[in-house]
């Protein structure tokens, strides 16, 4: 992957809060970045045609348009984990925007506003500001829960959803009370650890990941001048997001999703956790499941080409 192909974009989602996105244009020869149907019709010379011909040209233009993708990371992750998926989408002729949610990656980290509902509202603001027409919105882990909330609260915005080992995460069902949940999921304080040691650990833990995927994971932290790391998302903000997941599980949102949805769990159909996925799929009006037995939670880092191929099925609908 060539990082020179990535353009950094900023969107102000509320006064004083800007999110950073990694935009990758379609690179397939002849592909373009999703203009409006009227623009496509104009290129076809439809402005000189009669009303019926203009309508036919616009319908043809809509059918030929590339599908935009909005890619959403999980808790304490960042947009760069989507880079290899985005490169495959671009090669297939579709532009993408991978977002750093507030407090993550290169985006602003305000004092408040950390939770599933706010993240979903931020995505709605991004889609509107960028003028994305019915994008495929894909979310990994907590990001899956976020895009489900987006589709439930803003049904007019997404064209389809991709849920990458998330979107059905229900902490209420996993823990007897919030105190148990907080104790089990509270992140470690890793500030001050050598970045070199973190790189060695990533290489050992994920030998089948590419170098760029491991470096993207390391980008969940800032590397200080002395070579040690510091968390980007603070522990209090991390816990605020976890609490929002505890208080607002995705179950009530799932039946409100009105677009095609593809569930991509990092497990197989015989796994003891598979019934949770099946229940989520049954609650969604138009859902299909593609199983990844024995895979890592960060499917988009481990199997970027397969995840891209699966997500591209949503562009064809």
C-alpha atoms as a PDB file:
ATOM      1  CA  UNK A   1       0.000   0.000   0.000  1.00  0.00           C
ATOM      2  CA  UNK A   2       1.255   3.467  -0.859  1.00  0.00           C
ATOM      3  CA  UNK A   3       0.356   6.074   1.745  1.00  0.00           C
ATOM      4  CA  UNK A   4       0.719   8.835  -0.857  1.00  0.00           C
ATOM      5  CA  UNK A   5      -2.621   7.604  -2.213  1.00  0.00           C
ATOM      6  CA  UNK A   6      -4.329   8.594   1.049  1.00  0.00           C
ATOM      7  CA  UNK A   7      -5.633  12.128   1.515  1.00  0.00           C
ATOM      8  CA  UNK A   8      -6.312  13.486   4.990  1.00  0.00           C
ATOM      9  CA  UNK A   9      -9.740  15.126   5.380  1.00  0.00           C
ATOM     10  CA  UNK A  10     -11.193  17.005   8.364  1.00  0.00           C
ATOM     11  CA  UNK A  11     -14.865  17.420   9.216  1.00  0.00           C
ATOM     12  CA  UNK A  12     -16.182  19.604  12.021  1.00  0.00           C
ATOM     13  CA  UNK A  13     -18.964  17.540  13.623  1.00  0.00           C
ATOM     14  CA  UNK A  14     -19.856  20.124  16.239  1.00  0.00           C
ATOM     15  CA  UNK A  15     -18.385  23.511  17.113  1.00  0.00           C
ATOM     16  CA  UNK A  16     -14.757  23.025  18.051  1.00  0.00           C
ATOM     17  CA  UNK A  17     -14.691  19.253  17.424  1.00  0.00           C
ATOM     18  CA  UNK A  18     -13.034  18.049  14.229  1.00  0.00           C
ATOM     19  CA  UNK A  19     -12.685  14.458  13.112  1.00  0.00           C
ATOM     20  CA  UNK A  20      -9.861  13.330  10.843  1.00  0.00           C
ATOM     21  CA  UNK A  21     -10.559  10.911   7.990  1.00  0.00           C
ATOM     22  CA  UNK A  22      -8.338   8.995   5.615  1.00  0.00           C
ATOM     23  CA  UNK A  23      -9.829   9.321   2.140  1.00  0.00           C
ATOM     24  CA  UNK A  24      -8.798   6.960  -0.605  1.00  0.00           C
ATOM     25  CA  UNK A  25     -10.107   7.645  -4.100  1.00  0.00           C
ATOM     26  CA  UNK A  26     -11.067   4.898  -6.517  1.00  0.00           C
ATOM     27  CA  UNK A  27      -7.940   3.882  -8.429  1.00  0.00           C
ATOM     28  CA  UNK A  28      -9.321   1.496 -11.031  1.00  0.00           C
ATOM     29  CA  UNK A  29      -8.767   2.961 -14.518  1.00  0.00           C
ATOM     30  CA  UNK A  30     -11.774   5.045 -15.466  1.00  0.00           C
ATOM     31  CA  UNK A  31     -13.255   5.038 -11.954  1.00  0.00           C
ATOM     32  CA  UNK A  32     -14.190   8.356 -10.347  1.00  0.00           C
ATOM     33  CA  UNK A  33     -15.198   9.593  -6.922  1.00  0.00           C
ATOM     34  CA  UNK A  34     -19.011   9.291  -6.897  1.00  0.00           C
ATOM     35  CA  UNK A  35     -20.314  12.538  -8.438  1.00  0.00           C
ATOM     36  CA  UNK A  36     -23.989  13.325  -8.445  1.00  0.00           C
ATOM     37  CA  UNK A  37     -26.324  11.700 -10.937  1.00  0.00           C
ATOM     38  CA  UNK A  38     -26.831  15.107 -12.576  1.00  0.00           C
ATOM     39  CA  UNK A  39     -23.080  15.513 -13.050  1.00  0.00           C
ATOM     40  CA  UNK A  40     -22.833  12.060 -14.583  1.00  0.00           C
ATOM     41  CA  UNK A  41     -25.797  12.810 -16.834  1.00  0.00           C
ATOM     42  CA  UNK A  42     -24.157  16.048 -17.946  1.00  0.00           C
ATOM     43  CA  UNK A  43     -21.022  14.143 -18.940  1.00  0.00           C
ATOM     44  CA  UNK A  44     -23.233  11.892 -21.040  1.00  0.00           C
ATOM     45  CA  UNK A  45     -24.554  14.928 -22.906  1.00  0.00           C
ATOM     46  CA  UNK A  46     -27.969  14.610 -21.315  1.00  0.00           C
ATOM     47  CA  UNK A  47     -28.337  18.373 -20.940  1.00  0.00           C
ATOM     48  CA  UNK A  48     -29.045  18.535 -24.669  1.00  0.00           C
ATOM     49  CA  UNK A  49     -31.569  15.701 -24.567  1.00  0.00           C
ATOM     50  CA  UNK A  50     -35.283  15.697 -23.918  1.00  0.00           C
ATOM     51  CA  UNK A  51     -36.827  15.041 -20.476  1.00  0.00           C
ATOM     52  CA  UNK A  52     -37.233  11.325 -21.084  1.00  0.00           C
ATOM     53  CA  UNK A  53     -33.679  10.933 -22.306  1.00  0.00           C
ATOM     54  CA  UNK A  54     -32.365  12.960 -19.385  1.00  0.00           C
ATOM     55  CA  UNK A  55     -34.222  10.687 -16.964  1.00  0.00           C
ATOM     56  CA  UNK A  56     -32.832   7.573 -18.636  1.00  0.00           C
ATOM     57  CA  UNK A  57     -29.323   9.042 -18.553  1.00  0.00           C
ATOM     58  CA  UNK A  58     -29.644   9.838 -14.869  1.00  0.00           C
ATOM     59  CA  UNK A  59     -30.897   6.328 -14.100  1.00  0.00           C
ATOM     60  CA  UNK A  60     -27.960   4.894 -16.038  1.00  0.00           C
ATOM     61  CA  UNK A  61     -25.587   7.263 -14.232  1.00  0.00           C
ATOM     62  CA  UNK A  62     -26.889   6.188 -10.817  1.00  0.00           C
ATOM     63  CA  UNK A  63     -26.466   2.531 -11.734  1.00  0.00           C
ATOM     64  CA  UNK A  64     -22.868   3.181 -12.862  1.00  0.00           C
ATOM     65  CA  UNK A  65     -21.824   5.288  -9.876  1.00  0.00           C
ATOM     66  CA  UNK A  66     -19.184   3.889  -7.569  1.00  0.00           C
ATOM     67  CA  UNK A  67     -20.420   3.246  -4.047  1.00  0.00           C
ATOM     68  CA  UNK A  68     -18.791   5.276  -1.282  1.00  0.00           C
ATOM     69  CA  UNK A  69     -17.644   3.428   1.837  1.00  0.00           C
ATOM     70  CA  UNK A  70     -17.405   4.889   5.349  1.00  0.00           C
ATOM     71  CA  UNK A  71     -15.140   2.734   7.537  1.00  0.00           C
ATOM     72  CA  UNK A  72     -15.400   2.911  11.324  1.00  0.00           C
ATOM     73  CA  UNK A  73     -12.859   1.494  13.771  1.00  0.00           C
ATOM     74  CA  UNK A  74     -13.477  -0.075  17.179  1.00  0.00           C
ATOM     75  CA  UNK A  75     -12.817   1.064  20.726  1.00  0.00           C
ATOM     76  CA  UNK A  76      -9.270   2.406  21.279  1.00  0.00           C
ATOM     77  CA  UNK A  77      -8.422   1.720  17.631  1.00  0.00           C
ATOM     78  CA  UNK A  78      -7.892   4.061  14.678  1.00  0.00           C
ATOM     79  CA  UNK A  79      -8.637   4.605  10.996  1.00  0.00           C
ATOM     80  CA  UNK A  80      -5.325   3.200   9.764  1.00  0.00           C
ATOM     81  CA  UNK A  81      -6.433  -0.364  10.561  1.00  0.00           C
ATOM     82  CA  UNK A  82      -8.704  -0.039   7.507  1.00  0.00           C
ATOM     83  CA  UNK A  83      -5.910   0.948   5.087  1.00  0.00           C
ATOM     84  CA  UNK A  84      -5.533  -2.405   3.342  1.00  0.00           C
ATOM     85  CA  UNK A  85      -9.293  -2.887   3.048  1.00  0.00           C
ATOM     86  CA  UNK A  86      -9.585   0.634   1.628  1.00  0.00           C
ATOM     87  CA  UNK A  87      -6.858  -0.095  -0.925  1.00  0.00           C
ATOM     88  CA  UNK A  88      -8.785  -3.160  -2.141  1.00  0.00           C
ATOM     89  CA  UNK A  89     -12.020  -1.156  -2.346  1.00  0.00           C
ATOM     90  CA  UNK A  90     -10.233   1.530  -4.375  1.00  0.00           C
ATOM     91  CA  UNK A  91      -8.851  -1.072  -6.775  1.00  0.00           C
ATOM     92  CA  UNK A  92     -12.408  -2.342  -7.241  1.00  0.00           C
ATOM     93  CA  UNK A  93     -13.502   1.193  -8.178  1.00  0.00           C
ATOM     94  CA  UNK A  94     -15.003   2.510  -4.922  1.00  0.00           C
ATOM     95  CA  UNK A  95     -13.831   5.474  -2.814  1.00  0.00           C
ATOM     96  CA  UNK A  96     -13.630   5.227   0.961  1.00  0.00           C
ATOM     97  CA  UNK A  97     -13.337   7.419   4.025  1.00  0.00           C
ATOM     98  CA  UNK A  98     -11.946   5.827   7.199  1.00  0.00           C
ATOM     99  CA  UNK A  99     -12.730   7.940  10.245  1.00  0.00           C
ATOM    100  CA  UNK A 100     -10.909   8.511  13.508  1.00  0.00           C
ATOM    101  CA  UNK A 101     -13.714   8.863  16.046  1.00  0.00           C
ATOM    102  CA  UNK A 102     -13.351  11.567  18.682  1.00  0.00           C
ATOM    103  CA  UNK A 103     -10.516  10.869  21.079  1.00  0.00           C
ATOM    104  CA  UNK A 104      -8.996   8.342  18.676  1.00  0.00           C
ATOM    105  CA  UNK A 105      -6.216   8.604  16.124  1.00  0.00           C
ATOM    106  CA  UNK A 106      -5.658  12.136  14.853  1.00  0.00           C
ATOM    107  CA  UNK A 107      -9.116  13.477  15.727  1.00  0.00           C
ATOM    108  CA  UNK A 108      -9.893  16.003  18.433  1.00  0.00           C
ATOM    109  CA  UNK A 109     -10.310  14.768  21.997  1.00  0.00           C
ATOM    110  CA  UNK A 110     -12.852  17.021  23.719  1.00  0.00           C
ATOM    111  CA  UNK A 111     -13.570  16.700  27.433  1.00  0.00           C
ATOM    112  CA  UNK A 112     -16.959  15.050  26.887  1.00  0.00           C
ATOM    113  CA  UNK A 113     -19.102  13.336  24.280  1.00  0.00           C
ATOM    114  CA  UNK A 114     -17.803   9.775  24.435  1.00  0.00           C
ATOM    115  CA  UNK A 115     -20.411   7.137  23.780  1.00  0.00           C
ATOM    116  CA  UNK A 116     -22.215   5.170  21.127  1.00  0.00           C
ATOM    117  CA  UNK A 117     -24.943   7.746  20.575  1.00  0.00           C
ATOM    118  CA  UNK A 118     -22.539  10.657  20.134  1.00  0.00           C
ATOM    119  CA  UNK A 119     -20.306   8.613  17.828  1.00  0.00           C
ATOM    120  CA  UNK A 120     -23.329   7.758  15.667  1.00  0.00           C
ATOM    121  CA  UNK A 121     -24.332  11.431  15.533  1.00  0.00           C
ATOM    122  CA  UNK A 122     -20.756  12.282  14.520  1.00  0.00           C
ATOM    123  CA  UNK A 123     -20.979   9.784  11.646  1.00  0.00           C
ATOM    124  CA  UNK A 124     -24.246  11.356  10.509  1.00  0.00           C
ATOM    125  CA  UNK A 125     -22.513  14.739  10.480  1.00  0.00           C
ATOM    126  CA  UNK A 126     -19.614  13.289   8.474  1.00  0.00           C
ATOM    127  CA  UNK A 127     -21.886  11.710   5.862  1.00  0.00           C
ATOM    128  CA  UNK A 128     -23.817  14.947   5.483  1.00  0.00           C
ATOM    129  CA  UNK A 129     -20.727  17.171   5.332  1.00  0.00           C
ATOM    130  CA  UNK A 130     -19.015  14.984   2.733  1.00  0.00           C
ATOM    131  CA  UNK A 131     -22.194  14.589   0.684  1.00  0.00           C
ATOM    132  CA  UNK A 132     -21.945  10.798   0.645  1.00  0.00           C
ATOM    133  CA  UNK A 133     -24.931   9.304  -1.113  1.00  0.00           C
ATOM    134  CA  UNK A 134     -26.114   6.047   0.535  1.00  0.00           C
ATOM    135  CA  UNK A 135     -22.657   4.852   1.573  1.00  0.00           C
ATOM    136  CA  UNK A 136     -21.877   1.364   2.751  1.00  0.00           C
ATOM    137  CA  UNK A 137     -21.016   2.011   6.399  1.00  0.00           C
ATOM    138  CA  UNK A 138     -18.791  -0.664   7.928  1.00  0.00           C
ATOM    139  CA  UNK A 139     -17.923  -0.805  11.618  1.00  0.00           C
ATOM    140  CA  UNK A 140     -15.601  -3.120  13.526  1.00  0.00           C
ATOM    141  CA  UNK A 141     -16.239  -4.183  17.145  1.00  0.00           C
ATOM    142  CA  UNK A 142     -17.716  -1.186  19.030  1.00  0.00           C
ATOM    143  CA  UNK A 143     -17.738   0.546  15.650  1.00  0.00           C
ATOM    144  CA  UNK A 144     -20.299  -2.057  14.593  1.00  0.00           C
ATOM    145  CA  UNK A 145     -22.549  -0.997  17.458  1.00  0.00           C
ATOM    146  CA  UNK A 146     -22.045   2.618  16.385  1.00  0.00           C
ATOM    147  CA  UNK A 147     -23.095   2.039  12.774  1.00  0.00           C
ATOM    148  CA  UNK A 148     -26.158   0.076  13.924  1.00  0.00           C
ATOM    149  CA  UNK A 149     -27.141   3.097  16.044  1.00  0.00           C
ATOM    150  CA  UNK A 150     -26.517   5.351  13.024  1.00  0.00           C
ATOM    151  CA  UNK A 151     -28.842   3.268  10.850  1.00  0.00           C
ATOM    152  CA  UNK A 152     -31.513   3.170  13.581  1.00  0.00           C
ATOM    153  CA  UNK A 153     -31.464   6.920  14.238  1.00  0.00           C
ATOM    154  CA  UNK A 154     -30.725   8.150  10.694  1.00  0.00           C
ATOM    155  CA  UNK A 155     -32.315   5.583   8.351  1.00  0.00           C
ATOM    156  CA  UNK A 156     -32.073   7.950   5.398  1.00  0.00           C
ATOM    157  CA  UNK A 157     -28.266   8.070   5.417  1.00  0.00           C
ATOM    158  CA  UNK A 158     -26.667   4.607   4.966  1.00  0.00           C
ATOM    159  CA  UNK A 159     -27.183   2.378   1.967  1.00  0.00           C
ATOM    160  CA  UNK A 160     -25.975  -0.796   3.676  1.00  0.00           C
ATOM    161  CA  UNK A 161     -24.116  -1.910   6.804  1.00  0.00           C
ATOM    162  CA  UNK A 162     -21.086  -4.133   7.262  1.00  0.00           C
ATOM    163  CA  UNK A 163     -20.648  -5.417  10.823  1.00  0.00           C
ATOM    164  CA  UNK A 164     -17.109  -6.690  11.371  1.00  0.00           C
ATOM    165  CA  UNK A 165     -17.140  -8.749  14.574  1.00  0.00           C
ATOM    166  CA  UNK A 166     -19.367  -6.167  16.211  1.00  0.00           C
ATOM    167  CA  UNK A 167     -22.784  -4.600  16.062  1.00  0.00           C
ATOM    168  CA  UNK A 168     -24.224  -7.210  18.415  1.00  0.00           C
ATOM    169  CA  UNK A 169     -21.948  -6.589  21.438  1.00  0.00           C
ATOM    170  CA  UNK A 170     -24.174  -6.643  24.533  1.00  0.00           C
ATOM    171  CA  UNK A 171     -22.216  -6.073  27.739  1.00  0.00           C
ATOM    172  CA  UNK A 172     -25.377  -6.493  29.821  1.00  0.00           C
ATOM    173  CA  UNK A 173     -25.604 -10.075  28.632  1.00  0.00           C
ATOM    174  CA  UNK A 174     -21.922 -10.745  29.311  1.00  0.00           C
ATOM    175  CA  UNK A 175     -21.600  -9.372  32.867  1.00  0.00           C
ATOM    176  CA  UNK A 176     -23.875  -9.469  35.933  1.00  0.00           C
ATOM    177  CA  UNK A 177     -23.328  -5.778  36.778  1.00  0.00           C
ATOM    178  CA  UNK A 178     -21.422  -2.692  35.682  1.00  0.00           C
ATOM    179  CA  UNK A 179     -18.764  -3.111  38.358  1.00  0.00           C
ATOM    180  CA  UNK A 180     -17.864  -6.567  37.022  1.00  0.00           C
ATOM    181  CA  UNK A 181     -17.838  -5.247  33.466  1.00  0.00           C
ATOM    182  CA  UNK A 182     -15.600  -2.296  34.363  1.00  0.00           C
ATOM    183  CA  UNK A 183     -13.180  -4.478  36.291  1.00  0.00           C
ATOM    184  CA  UNK A 184     -12.859  -7.004  33.459  1.00  0.00           C
ATOM    185  CA  UNK A 185     -12.604  -4.532  30.571  1.00  0.00           C
ATOM    186  CA  UNK A 186     -10.697  -1.644  32.122  1.00  0.00           C
ATOM    187  CA  UNK A 187      -7.656  -1.147  29.839  1.00  0.00           C
ATOM    188  CA  UNK A 188      -4.118  -1.517  31.097  1.00  0.00           C
ATOM    189  CA  UNK A 189      -2.051   1.561  31.768  1.00  0.00           C
ATOM    190  CA  UNK A 190       0.608   1.142  29.083  1.00  0.00           C
ATOM    191  CA  UNK A 191       1.985   4.672  29.107  1.00  0.00           C
ATOM    192  CA  UNK A 192       5.756   4.630  29.308  1.00  0.00           C
ATOM    193  CA  UNK A 193       6.318   1.227  27.735  1.00  0.00           C
ATOM    194  CA  UNK A 194       8.968   1.096  24.995  1.00  0.00           C
ATOM    195  CA  UNK A 195       7.544   1.219  21.486  1.00  0.00           C
ATOM    196  CA  UNK A 196      10.135  -1.353  20.412  1.00  0.00           C
ATOM    197  CA  UNK A 197       8.767  -3.835  22.927  1.00  0.00           C
ATOM    198  CA  UNK A 198       5.239  -3.191  21.667  1.00  0.00           C
ATOM    199  CA  UNK A 199       6.382  -3.879  18.100  1.00  0.00           C
ATOM    200  CA  UNK A 200       7.966  -7.149  19.194  1.00  0.00           C
ATOM    201  CA  UNK A 201       4.787  -8.177  20.988  1.00  0.00           C
ATOM    202  CA  UNK A 202       2.636  -7.372  17.939  1.00  0.00           C
ATOM    203  CA  UNK A 203       4.923  -9.404  15.673  1.00  0.00           C
ATOM    204  CA  UNK A 204       4.693 -12.358  18.043  1.00  0.00           C
ATOM    205  CA  UNK A 205       0.947 -12.082  18.641  1.00  0.00           C
ATOM    206  CA  UNK A 206      -0.024 -11.491  14.997  1.00  0.00           C
ATOM    207  CA  UNK A 207       2.534 -13.180  12.729  1.00  0.00           C
ATOM    208  CA  UNK A 208       0.005 -13.442   9.876  1.00  0.00           C
ATOM    209  CA  UNK A 209      -0.664  -9.691   9.810  1.00  0.00           C
ATOM    210  CA  UNK A 210       1.180  -7.411   7.426  1.00  0.00           C
ATOM    211  CA  UNK A 211       3.783  -4.968   8.684  1.00  0.00           C
ATOM    212  CA  UNK A 212       1.437  -2.086   7.847  1.00  0.00           C
ATOM    213  CA  UNK A 213      -1.388  -3.637   9.905  1.00  0.00           C
ATOM    214  CA  UNK A 214       0.892  -4.022  12.922  1.00  0.00           C
ATOM    215  CA  UNK A 215       2.144  -0.458  12.549  1.00  0.00           C
ATOM    216  CA  UNK A 216      -1.457   0.719  12.290  1.00  0.00           C
ATOM    217  CA  UNK A 217      -2.197  -1.031  15.578  1.00  0.00           C
ATOM    218  CA  UNK A 218       0.801   0.650  17.178  1.00  0.00           C
ATOM    219  CA  UNK A 219      -0.737   3.946  16.010  1.00  0.00           C
ATOM    220  CA  UNK A 220      -3.439   3.423  18.664  1.00  0.00           C
ATOM    221  CA  UNK A 221      -0.746   5.067  20.818  1.00  0.00           C
ATOM    222  CA  UNK A 222       1.485   8.072  20.398  1.00  0.00           C
ATOM    223  CA  UNK A 223       5.222   7.450  20.354  1.00  0.00           C
ATOM    224  CA  UNK A 224       7.023   9.963  22.536  1.00  0.00           C
ATOM    225  CA  UNK A 225      10.406  11.499  21.768  1.00  0.00           C
ATOM    226  CA  UNK A 226      12.023   9.074  24.225  1.00  0.00           C
ATOM    227  CA  UNK A 227      10.676   6.063  22.311  1.00  0.00           C
ATOM    228  CA  UNK A 228       7.956   5.166  24.795  1.00  0.00           C
ATOM    229  CA  UNK A 229       4.234   5.081  24.090  1.00  0.00           C
ATOM    230  CA  UNK A 230       1.229   6.950  25.468  1.00  0.00           C
ATOM    231  CA  UNK A 231      -2.446   6.148  25.003  1.00  0.00           C
ATOM    232  CA  UNK A 232      -4.380   8.341  22.575  1.00  0.00           C
ATOM    233  CA  UNK A 233      -7.773   7.543  24.102  1.00  0.00           C
ATOM    234  CA  UNK A 234      -7.538   8.243  27.822  1.00  0.00           C
ATOM    235  CA  UNK A 235      -8.649   5.569  30.281  1.00  0.00           C
ATOM    236  CA  UNK A 236     -11.526   7.756  31.608  1.00  0.00           C
ATOM    237  CA  UNK A 237     -12.813   8.280  28.059  1.00  0.00           C
ATOM    238  CA  UNK A 238     -12.374   4.567  27.324  1.00  0.00           C
ATOM    239  CA  UNK A 239     -14.492   3.770  30.373  1.00  0.00           C
ATOM    240  CA  UNK A 240     -17.081   6.368  29.342  1.00  0.00           C
ATOM    241  CA  UNK A 241     -17.513   4.517  26.049  1.00  0.00           C
ATOM    242  CA  UNK A 242     -17.759   1.175  27.838  1.00  0.00           C
ATOM    243  CA  UNK A 243     -20.411   2.602  30.128  1.00  0.00           C
ATOM    244  CA  UNK A 244     -22.399   3.798  27.120  1.00  0.00           C
ATOM    245  CA  UNK A 245     -22.213   0.274  25.714  1.00  0.00           C
ATOM    246  CA  UNK A 246     -23.456  -1.073  29.041  1.00  0.00           C
ATOM    247  CA  UNK A 247     -26.302   1.443  29.216  1.00  0.00           C
ATOM    248  CA  UNK A 248     -27.248   1.186  25.528  1.00  0.00           C
ATOM    249  CA  UNK A 249     -26.883  -2.313  24.056  1.00  0.00           C
ATOM    250  CA  UNK A 250     -27.675  -2.663  20.343  1.00  0.00           C
ATOM    251  CA  UNK A 251     -30.686  -4.951  20.758  1.00  0.00           C
ATOM    252  CA  UNK A 252     -33.354  -2.208  20.518  1.00  0.00           C
ATOM    253  CA  UNK A 253     -31.609  -0.685  17.476  1.00  0.00           C
ATOM    254  CA  UNK A 254     -31.351  -3.851  15.377  1.00  0.00           C
ATOM    255  CA  UNK A 255     -35.029  -4.099  14.262  1.00  0.00           C
ATOM    256  CA  UNK A 256     -34.908  -0.425  13.199  1.00  0.00           C
ATOM    257  CA  UNK A 257     -32.179  -1.024  10.613  1.00  0.00           C
ATOM    258  CA  UNK A 258     -33.842  -0.783   7.212  1.00  0.00           C
ATOM    259  CA  UNK A 259     -30.888  -1.488   4.903  1.00  0.00           C
ATOM    260  CA  UNK A 260     -29.075  -4.677   3.841  1.00  0.00           C
ATOM    261  CA  UNK A 261     -26.642  -5.793   6.516  1.00  0.00           C
ATOM    262  CA  UNK A 262     -23.737  -8.209   6.362  1.00  0.00           C
ATOM    263  CA  UNK A 263     -22.499  -9.717   9.621  1.00  0.00           C
ATOM    264  CA  UNK A 264     -18.855 -10.822   9.643  1.00  0.00           C
ATOM    265  CA  UNK A 265     -18.142 -12.566  12.965  1.00  0.00           C
ATOM    266  CA  UNK A 266     -14.651 -13.758  13.892  1.00  0.00           C
ATOM    267  CA  UNK A 267     -15.945 -17.230  14.711  1.00  0.00           C
ATOM    268  CA  UNK A 268     -17.582 -20.208  13.069  1.00  0.00           C
ATOM    269  CA  UNK A 269     -21.211 -21.344  13.050  1.00  0.00           C
ATOM    270  CA  UNK A 270     -20.426 -24.091  15.581  1.00  0.00           C
ATOM    271  CA  UNK A 271     -18.840 -21.705  18.081  1.00  0.00           C
ATOM    272  CA  UNK A 272     -20.642 -21.397  21.422  1.00  0.00           C
ATOM    273  CA  UNK A 273     -21.018 -17.654  20.770  1.00  0.00           C
ATOM    274  CA  UNK A 274     -22.611 -18.164  17.356  1.00  0.00           C
ATOM    275  CA  UNK A 275     -26.160 -17.992  18.707  1.00  0.00           C
ATOM    276  CA  UNK A 276     -25.598 -14.353  19.662  1.00  0.00           C
ATOM    277  CA  UNK A 277     -24.752 -13.606  16.046  1.00  0.00           C
ATOM    278  CA  UNK A 278     -27.756 -15.577  14.800  1.00  0.00           C
ATOM    279  CA  UNK A 279     -30.094 -13.683  17.118  1.00  0.00           C
ATOM    280  CA  UNK A 280     -28.730 -10.370  15.871  1.00  0.00           C
ATOM    281  CA  UNK A 281     -29.137 -11.476  12.248  1.00  0.00           C
ATOM    282  CA  UNK A 282     -32.708 -12.592  12.952  1.00  0.00           C
ATOM    283  CA  UNK A 283     -33.524  -9.186  14.454  1.00  0.00           C
ATOM    284  CA  UNK A 284     -32.260  -7.365  11.366  1.00  0.00           C
ATOM    285  CA  UNK A 285     -34.805  -7.103   8.537  1.00  0.00           C
ATOM    286  CA  UNK A 286     -32.277  -7.905   5.774  1.00  0.00           C
ATOM    287  CA  UNK A 287     -29.195  -9.683   7.078  1.00  0.00           C
ATOM    288  CA  UNK A 288     -26.724 -12.289   5.923  1.00  0.00           C
ATOM    289  CA  UNK A 289     -23.820 -13.842   7.829  1.00  0.00           C
ATOM    290  CA  UNK A 290     -20.334 -14.697   6.585  1.00  0.00           C
ATOM    291  CA  UNK A 291     -18.451 -16.704   9.198  1.00  0.00           C
ATOM    292  CA  UNK A 292     -14.692 -16.417   9.869  1.00  0.00           C
ATOM    293  CA  UNK A 293     -13.873 -19.459  12.044  1.00  0.00           C
ATOM    294  CA  UNK A 294     -10.903 -19.023  14.347  1.00  0.00           C
ATOM    295  CA  UNK A 295     -10.130 -15.501  13.152  1.00  0.00           C
ATOM    296  CA  UNK A 296      -8.795 -12.515  15.114  1.00  0.00           C
ATOM    297  CA  UNK A 297     -11.152  -9.858  16.444  1.00  0.00           C
ATOM    298  CA  UNK A 298      -9.408  -7.359  14.118  1.00  0.00           C
ATOM    299  CA  UNK A 299     -10.603  -9.158  11.010  1.00  0.00           C
ATOM    300  CA  UNK A 300      -9.927  -6.126   8.834  1.00  0.00           C
ATOM    301  CA  UNK A 301      -6.242  -6.286   9.811  1.00  0.00           C
ATOM    302  CA  UNK A 302      -5.874 -10.054   9.539  1.00  0.00           C
ATOM    303  CA  UNK A 303      -7.924 -10.696   6.383  1.00  0.00           C
ATOM    304  CA  UNK A 304      -8.201  -7.351   4.560  1.00  0.00           C
ATOM    305  CA  UNK A 305      -8.725  -8.786   1.078  1.00  0.00           C
ATOM    306  CA  UNK A 306     -11.480 -11.165   2.210  1.00  0.00           C
ATOM    307  CA  UNK A 307     -13.206  -8.452   4.241  1.00  0.00           C
ATOM    308  CA  UNK A 308     -13.049  -6.078   1.272  1.00  0.00           C
ATOM    309  CA  UNK A 309     -14.482  -8.750  -1.020  1.00  0.00           C
ATOM    310  CA  UNK A 310     -17.334  -9.372   1.398  1.00  0.00           C
ATOM    311  CA  UNK A 311     -18.069  -5.659   1.800  1.00  0.00           C
ATOM    312  CA  UNK A 312     -18.096  -5.221  -1.960  1.00  0.00           C
ATOM    313  CA  UNK A 313     -21.127  -7.529  -2.135  1.00  0.00           C
ATOM    314  CA  UNK A 314     -23.016  -4.723  -0.396  1.00  0.00           C
ATOM    315  CA  UNK A 315     -22.046  -2.262  -3.133  1.00  0.00           C
ATOM    316  CA  UNK A 316     -23.658  -4.545  -5.705  1.00  0.00           C
ATOM    317  CA  UNK A 317     -27.100  -4.449  -4.035  1.00  0.00           C
END
